[in-house]
Amino acid sequence: MSPTFPALPSPVPQTEWRPQIGDKILVDTEANEGFLLHRDGRTLTFPVATGQRRFVCYIGRCYNATTPERTWDIRSKDIKGDHITFGPSGRFLRLYWNDESTPYGFHEYGYEDRMFDDQPRFKSMGCVIVKKDIMDILDRTFAVNEGNVEVVTKYGIENPVSLAMTH
């Protein structure tokens, strides 16, 4: 059964945010903003960097690096050895789509300031890049939800709570 969300978001400061069972993550790939949502409609908004809006050749593949619009689940966590691409911790929260593992996920980046200071933030190879403090929160959210967190990526989100109710 899907959680019920109220109609309007209620912002929570990052210092007061505590992950809860049933939290969802929404990513607006147009504004490069992420939203963590509690079932009661409280939200935490944070900056993200999403996929370059062009074709790239990366790690032996050529593809459109635009972050896909989908409903996914985070179902696994990896620690990667590349501490530039995946940041100092190497944490990678992998996205699954249609019960299949994908190359997409959430991770930090080694040069966080450079990544987030420049605009627009269409800089990843398709993944959702977050700052270290947000990765800490996403990591705890993944743990609290016993390894399964719903994620929606969409180009343009007017009301995150309303979107969460439809997914």
C-alpha atoms as a PDB file:
ATOM      1  CA  MET A   1       0.000   0.000   0.000  1.00  0.00           C
ATOM      2  CA  SER A   2       1.391   3.412  -0.995  1.00  0.00           C
ATOM      3  CA  PRO A   3       1.843   6.035   1.692  1.00  0.00           C
ATOM      4  CA  THR A   4      -0.573   8.962   1.682  1.00  0.00           C
ATOM      5  CA  PHE A   5       0.912  12.432   1.303  1.00  0.00           C
ATOM      6  CA  PRO A   6      -0.813  15.757   2.054  1.00  0.00           C
ATOM      7  CA  ALA A   7      -1.341  18.248  -0.785  1.00  0.00           C
ATOM      8  CA  LEU A   8       1.299  20.846   0.108  1.00  0.00           C
ATOM      9  CA  PRO A   9       4.950  20.473   1.092  1.00  0.00           C
ATOM     10  CA  SER A  10       6.118  21.529   4.527  1.00  0.00           C
ATOM     11  CA  PRO A  11       9.851  22.398   4.403  1.00  0.00           C
ATOM     12  CA  VAL A  12      12.171  21.097   7.123  1.00  0.00           C
ATOM     13  CA  PRO A  13      15.672  22.518   7.731  1.00  0.00           C
ATOM     14  CA  GLN A  14      18.453  20.049   6.994  1.00  0.00           C
ATOM     15  CA  THR A  15      19.645  20.176  10.622  1.00  0.00           C
ATOM     16  CA  GLU A  16      16.228  18.914  11.777  1.00  0.00           C
ATOM     17  CA  TRP A  17      15.699  16.211   9.127  1.00  0.00           C
ATOM     18  CA  ARG A  18      15.574  12.621  10.392  1.00  0.00           C
ATOM     19  CA  PRO A  19      15.036   9.737   7.933  1.00  0.00           C
ATOM     20  CA  GLN A  20      11.826   7.757   8.401  1.00  0.00           C
ATOM     21  CA  ILE A  21      10.336   4.549   7.066  1.00  0.00           C
ATOM     22  CA  GLY A  22       8.434   5.305   3.865  1.00  0.00           C
ATOM     23  CA  ASP A  23      10.532   8.296   2.804  1.00  0.00           C
ATOM     24  CA  LYS A  24      10.668   8.945  -0.944  1.00  0.00           C
ATOM     25  CA  ILE A  25      13.189  10.824  -3.050  1.00  0.00           C
ATOM     26  CA  LEU A  26      12.176  13.040  -5.959  1.00  0.00           C
ATOM     27  CA  VAL A  27      14.658  14.633  -8.350  1.00  0.00           C
ATOM     28  CA  ASP A  28      13.716  17.523 -10.617  1.00  0.00           C
ATOM     29  CA  THR A  29      16.172  17.147 -13.499  1.00  0.00           C
ATOM     30  CA  GLU A  30      15.156  20.520 -14.955  1.00  0.00           C
ATOM     31  CA  ALA A  31      15.884  22.615 -11.835  1.00  0.00           C
ATOM     32  CA  ASN A  32      18.545  20.211 -10.508  1.00  0.00           C
ATOM     33  CA  GLU A  33      16.814  19.993  -7.149  1.00  0.00           C
ATOM     34  CA  GLY A  34      16.201  16.972  -4.991  1.00  0.00           C
ATOM     35  CA  PHE A  35      13.444  16.438  -2.463  1.00  0.00           C
ATOM     36  CA  LEU A  36      13.248  13.976   0.390  1.00  0.00           C
ATOM     37  CA  LEU A  37       9.642  13.484   1.465  1.00  0.00           C
ATOM     38  CA  HIS A  38       8.169  12.101   4.661  1.00  0.00           C
ATOM     39  CA  ARG A  39       4.698  10.521   4.502  1.00  0.00           C
ATOM     40  CA  ASP A  40       3.277  13.512   6.400  1.00  0.00           C
ATOM     41  CA  GLY A  41       4.393  15.925   3.652  1.00  0.00           C
ATOM     42  CA  ARG A  42       7.463  17.357   5.353  1.00  0.00           C
ATOM     43  CA  THR A  43      10.199  17.881   2.782  1.00  0.00           C
ATOM     44  CA  LEU A  44      13.922  18.485   2.621  1.00  0.00           C
ATOM     45  CA  THR A  45      15.082  20.265  -0.543  1.00  0.00           C
ATOM     46  CA  PHE A  46      18.689  20.012  -1.713  1.00  0.00           C
ATOM     47  CA  PRO A  47      20.776  20.773  -4.817  1.00  0.00           C
ATOM     48  CA  VAL A  48      21.775  17.975  -7.188  1.00  0.00           C
ATOM     49  CA  ALA A  49      23.777  17.667 -10.388  1.00  0.00           C
ATOM     50  CA  THR A  50      22.186  15.492 -13.062  1.00  0.00           C
ATOM     51  CA  GLY A  51      23.149  14.172 -16.477  1.00  0.00           C
ATOM     52  CA  GLN A  52      24.703  16.173 -19.244  1.00  0.00           C
ATOM     53  CA  ARG A  53      22.072  16.829 -21.850  1.00  0.00           C
ATOM     54  CA  ARG A  54      24.115  15.345 -24.709  1.00  0.00           C
ATOM     55  CA  PHE A  55      25.610  12.122 -26.022  1.00  0.00           C
ATOM     56  CA  VAL A  56      28.838  11.003 -24.315  1.00  0.00           C
ATOM     57  CA  CYS A  57      31.287   8.137 -24.516  1.00  0.00           C
ATOM     58  CA  TYR A  58      32.184   6.984 -21.010  1.00  0.00           C
ATOM     59  CA  ILE A  59      33.587   3.735 -19.561  1.00  0.00           C
ATOM     60  CA  GLY A  60      33.332   1.968 -22.900  1.00  0.00           C
ATOM     61  CA  ARG A  61      29.747   3.015 -23.669  1.00  0.00           C
ATOM     62  CA  CYS A  62      28.286   5.753 -25.881  1.00  0.00           C
ATOM     63  CA  TYR A  63      24.862   6.993 -24.803  1.00  0.00           C
ATOM     64  CA  ASN A  64      22.674  10.005 -24.056  1.00  0.00           C
ATOM     65  CA  ALA A  65      23.843  11.142 -20.576  1.00  0.00           C
ATOM     66  CA  THR A  66      20.559  12.895 -19.736  1.00  0.00           C
ATOM     67  CA  THR A  67      19.263  11.438 -16.453  1.00  0.00           C
ATOM     68  CA  PRO A  68      16.208   9.346 -17.465  1.00  0.00           C
ATOM     69  CA  GLU A  69      12.705  10.228 -16.254  1.00  0.00           C
ATOM     70  CA  ARG A  70      11.582   7.170 -14.313  1.00  0.00           C
ATOM     71  CA  THR A  71      10.260   5.704 -11.112  1.00  0.00           C
ATOM     72  CA  TRP A  72      13.105   3.675  -9.589  1.00  0.00           C
ATOM     73  CA  ASP A  73      14.137   2.046  -6.336  1.00  0.00           C
ATOM     74  CA  ILE A  74      17.442   2.273  -4.523  1.00  0.00           C
ATOM     75  CA  ARG A  75      18.139  -1.350  -3.623  1.00  0.00           C
ATOM     76  CA  SER A  76      21.879  -1.619  -3.094  1.00  0.00           C
ATOM     77  CA  LYS A  77      24.885   0.272  -1.858  1.00  0.00           C
ATOM     78  CA  ASP A  78      28.396  -0.113  -3.251  1.00  0.00           C
ATOM     79  CA  ILE A  79      31.705   1.400  -2.215  1.00  0.00           C
ATOM     80  CA  LYS A  80      33.674   2.440  -5.286  1.00  0.00           C
ATOM     81  CA  GLY A  81      37.444   2.881  -5.387  1.00  0.00           C
ATOM     82  CA  ASP A  82      37.381   5.948  -7.684  1.00  0.00           C
ATOM     83  CA  HIS A  83      37.309   8.782  -5.145  1.00  0.00           C
ATOM     84  CA  ILE A  84      37.093  11.510  -7.771  1.00  0.00           C
ATOM     85  CA  THR A  85      33.983  10.210  -9.560  1.00  0.00           C
ATOM     86  CA  PHE A  86      32.361   8.843  -6.380  1.00  0.00           C
ATOM     87  CA  GLY A  87      33.750  11.293  -3.821  1.00  0.00           C
ATOM     88  CA  PRO A  88      35.883  10.672  -0.745  1.00  0.00           C
ATOM     89  CA  SER A  89      33.601   7.969   0.683  1.00  0.00           C
ATOM     90  CA  GLY A  90      33.091   6.095  -2.603  1.00  0.00           C
ATOM     91  CA  ARG A  91      29.445   5.478  -1.644  1.00  0.00           C
ATOM     92  CA  PHE A  92      27.108   4.639  -4.523  1.00  0.00           C
ATOM     93  CA  LEU A  93      23.385   4.053  -3.957  1.00  0.00           C
ATOM     94  CA  ARG A  94      22.352   2.076  -7.050  1.00  0.00           C
ATOM     95  CA  LEU A  95      19.056   2.682  -8.821  1.00  0.00           C
ATOM     96  CA  TYR A  96      16.969  -0.268 -10.024  1.00  0.00           C
ATOM     97  CA  TRP A  97      14.308  -0.044 -12.704  1.00  0.00           C
ATOM     98  CA  ASN A  98      11.783  -2.799 -13.437  1.00  0.00           C
ATOM     99  CA  ASP A  99      13.578  -4.989 -10.874  1.00  0.00           C
ATOM    100  CA  GLU A 100      16.851  -4.699 -12.828  1.00  0.00           C
ATOM    101  CA  SER A 101      20.110  -3.153 -11.657  1.00  0.00           C
ATOM    102  CA  THR A 102      21.118  -0.071 -13.689  1.00  0.00           C
ATOM    103  CA  PRO A 103      24.371   1.894 -14.006  1.00  0.00           C
ATOM    104  CA  TYR A 104      22.545   4.886 -12.443  1.00  0.00           C
ATOM    105  CA  GLY A 105      22.615   5.946  -8.823  1.00  0.00           C
ATOM    106  CA  PHE A 106      23.327   8.632  -6.235  1.00  0.00           C
ATOM    107  CA  HIS A 107      26.889   9.525  -5.319  1.00  0.00           C
ATOM    108  CA  GLU A 108      29.207  12.315  -4.211  1.00  0.00           C
ATOM    109  CA  TYR A 109      31.944  13.867  -6.338  1.00  0.00           C
ATOM    110  CA  GLY A 110      35.581  14.497  -5.424  1.00  0.00           C
ATOM    111  CA  TYR A 111      35.489  18.197  -6.344  1.00  0.00           C
ATOM    112  CA  GLU A 112      32.151  19.020  -4.747  1.00  0.00           C
ATOM    113  CA  ASP A 113      32.628  22.812  -4.682  1.00  0.00           C
ATOM    114  CA  ARG A 114      33.435  22.949  -8.377  1.00  0.00           C
ATOM    115  CA  MET A 115      30.489  20.695  -9.234  1.00  0.00           C
ATOM    116  CA  PHE A 116      27.940  22.762  -7.320  1.00  0.00           C
ATOM    117  CA  ASP A 117      29.285  26.295  -7.836  1.00  0.00           C
ATOM    118  CA  ASP A 118      28.885  26.306 -11.620  1.00  0.00           C
ATOM    119  CA  GLN A 119      25.507  26.642 -13.330  1.00  0.00           C
ATOM    120  CA  PRO A 120      23.744  24.866 -14.861  1.00  0.00           C
ATOM    121  CA  ARG A 121      24.532  21.652 -13.005  1.00  0.00           C
ATOM    122  CA  PHE A 122      24.025  19.225 -15.915  1.00  0.00           C
ATOM    123  CA  LYS A 123      27.422  17.631 -15.336  1.00  0.00           C
ATOM    124  CA  SER A 124      27.099  13.945 -14.495  1.00  0.00           C
ATOM    125  CA  MET A 125      27.228  10.995 -16.864  1.00  0.00           C
ATOM    126  CA  GLY A 126      23.593  10.279 -15.949  1.00  0.00           C
ATOM    127  CA  CYS A 127      23.760   9.708 -12.193  1.00  0.00           C
ATOM    128  CA  VAL A 128      22.463  12.069  -9.528  1.00  0.00           C
ATOM    129  CA  ILE A 129      25.357  13.757  -7.741  1.00  0.00           C
ATOM    130  CA  VAL A 130      24.804  15.135  -4.248  1.00  0.00           C
ATOM    131  CA  LYS A 131      26.926  16.890  -1.644  1.00  0.00           C
ATOM    132  CA  LYS A 132      28.523  14.841   1.144  1.00  0.00           C
ATOM    133  CA  ASP A 133      26.068  15.990   3.827  1.00  0.00           C
ATOM    134  CA  ILE A 134      23.103  14.959   1.656  1.00  0.00           C
ATOM    135  CA  MET A 135      24.773  11.623   0.823  1.00  0.00           C
ATOM    136  CA  ASP A 136      24.999  11.028   4.575  1.00  0.00           C
ATOM    137  CA  ILE A 137      21.221  11.597   4.841  1.00  0.00           C
ATOM    138  CA  LEU A 138      20.458   9.407   1.806  1.00  0.00           C
ATOM    139  CA  ASP A 139      22.666   6.663   3.237  1.00  0.00           C
ATOM    140  CA  ARG A 140      20.738   6.780   6.536  1.00  0.00           C
ATOM    141  CA  THR A 141      17.422   6.852   4.632  1.00  0.00           C
ATOM    142  CA  PHE A 142      18.482   3.704   2.763  1.00  0.00           C
ATOM    143  CA  ALA A 143      19.364   2.009   6.086  1.00  0.00           C
ATOM    144  CA  VAL A 144      16.133   3.045   7.845  1.00  0.00           C
ATOM    145  CA  ASN A 145      14.108   1.733   4.898  1.00  0.00           C
ATOM    146  CA  GLU A 146      15.926  -1.606   5.016  1.00  0.00           C
ATOM    147  CA  GLY A 147      17.489  -1.248   1.587  1.00  0.00           C
ATOM    148  CA  ASN A 148      14.555  -0.105  -0.533  1.00  0.00           C
ATOM    149  CA  VAL A 149      13.770   3.560  -1.242  1.00  0.00           C
ATOM    150  CA  GLU A 150      11.471   4.772  -4.026  1.00  0.00           C
ATOM    151  CA  VAL A 151      12.942   7.459  -6.294  1.00  0.00           C
ATOM    152  CA  VAL A 152      11.241   9.502  -9.017  1.00  0.00           C
ATOM    153  CA  THR A 153      13.300  11.461 -11.549  1.00  0.00           C
ATOM    154  CA  LYS A 154      11.313  13.926 -13.645  1.00  0.00           C
ATOM    155  CA  TYR A 155      12.093  16.928 -15.832  1.00  0.00           C
ATOM    156  CA  GLY A 156      10.118  19.698 -14.099  1.00  0.00           C
ATOM    157  CA  ILE A 157       8.320  19.257 -10.772  1.00  0.00           C
ATOM    158  CA  GLU A 158       5.851  21.936  -9.687  1.00  0.00           C
ATOM    159  CA  ASN A 159       4.651  20.271  -6.483  1.00  0.00           C
ATOM    160  CA  PRO A 160       6.818  17.457  -5.091  1.00  0.00           C
ATOM    161  CA  VAL A 161       4.175  16.262  -2.614  1.00  0.00           C
ATOM    162  CA  SER A 162       1.531  16.037  -5.341  1.00  0.00           C
ATOM    163  CA  LEU A 163       3.939  14.058  -7.536  1.00  0.00           C
ATOM    164  CA  ALA A 164       4.764  11.716  -4.653  1.00  0.00           C
ATOM    165  CA  MET A 165       1.054  10.934  -4.233  1.00  0.00           C
ATOM    166  CA  THR A 166       0.820   9.721  -7.832  1.00  0.00           C
ATOM    167  CA  HIS A 167       3.778   7.326  -7.515  1.00  0.00           C
END
